[in-house]
N, C-alpha and C. Protein backbone atom coordinates (compact mmCIF):
# COMPACT_ATOMS: atom_id res chain seq x y z
N MET A 1 133.96 7.21 105.50
CA MET A 1 133.70 5.79 105.55
C MET A 1 134.74 5.10 104.68
N SER A 2 135.38 4.08 105.18
CA SER A 2 136.40 3.36 104.41
C SER A 2 135.78 2.18 103.68
N ALA A 3 136.51 1.67 102.70
CA ALA A 3 136.02 0.53 101.91
C ALA A 3 135.83 -0.68 102.80
N GLY A 4 134.76 -1.40 102.56
CA GLY A 4 134.51 -2.62 103.31
C GLY A 4 133.72 -2.42 104.58
N THR A 5 133.33 -1.20 104.87
CA THR A 5 132.53 -0.97 106.07
C THR A 5 131.08 -0.75 105.66
N ALA A 6 130.19 -1.06 106.56
CA ALA A 6 128.76 -0.91 106.30
C ALA A 6 128.39 0.57 106.34
N PRO A 7 127.41 0.97 105.55
CA PRO A 7 126.97 2.37 105.59
C PRO A 7 126.27 2.66 106.90
N PRO A 8 126.19 3.94 107.26
CA PRO A 8 125.47 4.26 108.50
C PRO A 8 124.03 3.74 108.41
N GLY A 9 123.57 3.13 109.43
CA GLY A 9 122.24 2.53 109.43
C GLY A 9 122.34 1.03 109.49
N GLY A 10 123.50 0.49 109.15
CA GLY A 10 123.76 -0.93 109.31
C GLY A 10 123.13 -1.85 108.30
N GLY A 11 122.31 -1.35 107.37
CA GLY A 11 121.65 -2.22 106.42
C GLY A 11 122.40 -2.34 105.11
N GLU A 12 121.68 -2.84 104.13
CA GLU A 12 122.26 -2.97 102.81
C GLU A 12 122.35 -1.60 102.15
N SER A 13 123.21 -1.48 101.17
CA SER A 13 123.31 -0.21 100.45
C SER A 13 122.09 -0.02 99.57
N GLN A 14 121.89 1.19 99.13
CA GLN A 14 120.76 1.48 98.26
C GLN A 14 120.91 0.76 96.93
N GLY A 15 122.15 0.60 96.46
CA GLY A 15 122.40 -0.11 95.22
C GLY A 15 121.97 -1.56 95.30
N GLU A 16 122.32 -2.20 96.40
CA GLU A 16 121.92 -3.60 96.59
C GLU A 16 120.40 -3.73 96.65
N GLN A 17 119.76 -2.82 97.31
CA GLN A 17 118.30 -2.84 97.40
C GLN A 17 117.67 -2.63 96.02
N ALA A 18 118.25 -1.73 95.22
CA ALA A 18 117.72 -1.47 93.89
C ALA A 18 117.86 -2.71 93.01
N ILE A 19 118.99 -3.39 93.11
CA ILE A 19 119.21 -4.61 92.33
C ILE A 19 118.21 -5.70 92.74
N GLU A 20 118.03 -5.88 94.03
CA GLU A 20 117.09 -6.89 94.52
C GLU A 20 115.67 -6.57 94.06
N THR A 21 115.28 -5.30 94.11
CA THR A 21 113.95 -4.90 93.67
C THR A 21 113.78 -5.15 92.18
N HIS A 22 114.80 -4.79 91.41
CA HIS A 22 114.75 -5.00 89.96
C HIS A 22 114.55 -6.47 89.63
N TYR A 23 115.38 -7.34 90.23
CA TYR A 23 115.28 -8.76 89.92
C TYR A 23 113.97 -9.37 90.42
N ALA A 24 113.48 -8.89 91.54
CA ALA A 24 112.22 -9.42 92.07
C ALA A 24 111.06 -9.10 91.13
N HIS A 25 111.09 -7.92 90.51
CA HIS A 25 110.00 -7.53 89.63
C HIS A 25 110.19 -7.98 88.19
N ARG A 26 111.40 -7.87 87.67
CA ARG A 26 111.64 -8.13 86.24
C ARG A 26 112.08 -9.55 85.93
N HIS A 27 112.68 -10.22 86.92
CA HIS A 27 113.19 -11.58 86.71
C HIS A 27 112.80 -12.48 87.88
N PRO A 28 111.49 -12.74 88.05
CA PRO A 28 111.05 -13.49 89.22
C PRO A 28 111.53 -14.93 89.25
N HIS A 29 111.92 -15.49 88.08
CA HIS A 29 112.38 -16.87 88.02
C HIS A 29 113.81 -17.04 88.51
N ILE A 30 114.52 -15.92 88.76
CA ILE A 30 115.90 -15.99 89.23
C ILE A 30 115.89 -15.88 90.75
N ALA A 31 116.44 -16.87 91.41
CA ALA A 31 116.48 -16.87 92.86
C ALA A 31 117.56 -15.90 93.34
N PRO A 32 117.28 -15.15 94.40
CA PRO A 32 118.30 -14.25 94.93
C PRO A 32 119.44 -15.05 95.53
N GLY A 33 120.62 -14.50 95.51
CA GLY A 33 121.74 -15.20 96.10
C GLY A 33 123.05 -14.94 95.40
N GLY A 34 122.99 -14.48 94.16
CA GLY A 34 124.20 -14.03 93.52
C GLY A 34 124.99 -15.06 92.75
N VAL A 35 124.37 -16.04 92.16
CA VAL A 35 125.08 -17.01 91.33
C VAL A 35 125.10 -16.49 89.91
N VAL A 36 126.29 -16.41 89.32
CA VAL A 36 126.44 -15.94 87.95
C VAL A 36 126.73 -17.13 87.07
N GLU A 37 125.97 -17.25 85.99
CA GLU A 37 126.14 -18.37 85.07
C GLU A 37 126.60 -17.83 83.72
N PHE A 38 127.65 -18.43 83.18
CA PHE A 38 128.19 -18.02 81.88
C PHE A 38 127.82 -19.05 80.85
N ARG A 39 127.67 -18.59 79.61
CA ARG A 39 127.39 -19.53 78.53
C ARG A 39 128.57 -20.45 78.34
N LYS A 40 128.27 -21.68 78.02
CA LYS A 40 129.32 -22.66 77.74
C LYS A 40 129.32 -22.93 76.25
N GLY A 41 130.43 -23.37 75.74
CA GLY A 41 130.52 -23.68 74.33
C GLY A 41 131.23 -22.59 73.57
N SER A 42 130.69 -22.25 72.42
CA SER A 42 131.35 -21.29 71.55
C SER A 42 130.96 -19.86 71.91
N SER A 43 131.32 -19.43 73.09
CA SER A 43 130.96 -18.09 73.53
C SER A 43 132.01 -17.06 73.17
N GLY A 44 133.11 -17.48 72.60
CA GLY A 44 134.14 -16.52 72.23
C GLY A 44 134.71 -16.86 70.88
N CYS A 45 135.60 -16.04 70.43
CA CYS A 45 136.21 -16.27 69.13
C CYS A 45 137.08 -17.52 69.17
N GLY A 46 137.91 -17.61 70.16
CA GLY A 46 138.78 -18.78 70.28
C GLY A 46 139.85 -18.83 69.21
N SER A 47 140.37 -20.01 68.97
CA SER A 47 141.48 -20.15 68.03
C SER A 47 141.03 -20.03 66.59
N GLY A 48 139.76 -20.27 66.29
CA GLY A 48 139.26 -20.15 64.92
C GLY A 48 139.40 -18.75 64.37
N CYS A 49 139.07 -17.76 65.18
CA CYS A 49 139.20 -16.37 64.75
C CYS A 49 140.67 -15.98 64.61
N LEU A 50 141.49 -16.50 65.49
CA LEU A 50 142.92 -16.20 65.43
C LEU A 50 143.53 -16.73 64.14
N ILE A 51 143.15 -17.94 63.75
CA ILE A 51 143.65 -18.52 62.50
C ILE A 51 143.16 -17.72 61.31
N ALA A 52 141.88 -17.36 61.30
CA ALA A 52 141.32 -16.57 60.20
C ALA A 52 142.00 -15.21 60.11
N LEU A 53 142.25 -14.59 61.23
CA LEU A 53 142.93 -13.30 61.25
C LEU A 53 144.35 -13.44 60.70
N GLY A 54 145.02 -14.50 61.08
CA GLY A 54 146.37 -14.75 60.58
C GLY A 54 146.39 -14.93 59.07
N ILE A 55 145.42 -15.65 58.54
CA ILE A 55 145.33 -15.86 57.09
C ILE A 55 145.09 -14.53 56.37
N VAL A 56 144.19 -13.71 56.90
CA VAL A 56 143.90 -12.41 56.29
C VAL A 56 145.14 -11.53 56.29
N VAL A 57 145.87 -11.50 57.39
CA VAL A 57 147.09 -10.70 57.46
C VAL A 57 148.12 -11.22 56.46
N LEU A 58 148.27 -12.52 56.37
CA LEU A 58 149.21 -13.11 55.42
C LEU A 58 148.83 -12.75 53.99
N LEU A 59 147.55 -12.82 53.65
CA LEU A 59 147.10 -12.45 52.31
C LEU A 59 147.35 -10.97 52.02
N LEU A 60 147.15 -10.11 53.01
CA LEU A 60 147.41 -8.69 52.83
C LEU A 60 148.90 -8.43 52.59
N ILE A 61 149.75 -9.14 53.30
CA ILE A 61 151.19 -8.98 53.11
C ILE A 61 151.59 -9.43 51.71
N ILE A 62 151.06 -10.57 51.29
CA ILE A 62 151.37 -11.08 49.94
C ILE A 62 150.85 -10.12 48.88
N ALA A 63 149.64 -9.59 49.06
CA ALA A 63 149.05 -8.68 48.08
C ALA A 63 149.81 -7.36 48.01
N SER A 64 150.35 -6.92 49.13
CA SER A 64 151.06 -5.63 49.12
C SER A 64 152.42 -5.72 48.43
N ARG A 65 152.96 -6.90 48.24
CA ARG A 65 154.27 -7.07 47.59
C ARG A 65 154.15 -7.12 46.07
N HIS A 66 152.95 -7.28 45.57
CA HIS A 66 152.76 -7.39 44.10
C HIS A 66 152.30 -6.11 43.51
C-alpha cells in the first residue's frame, strides 16, 4: 500500500478511530473536526530570553578574564 491510499476496507484507519473514541470519551466538549488551537501571548521565550542569555554569556566572558 502506498502513502495516501486508503487501507483495505475503505474506512478510516484504526488510529483515526482510536483518536475519535478517545476524544469522544475523555474530551466531550471538543467538537470533532480537527481544529488545533495554540496559546496566544507569551507562549515562548521570545526576545526576552535571548537578551538574558546574552547578558549571562557576556558576564561569563568578563568573569573568565579576571
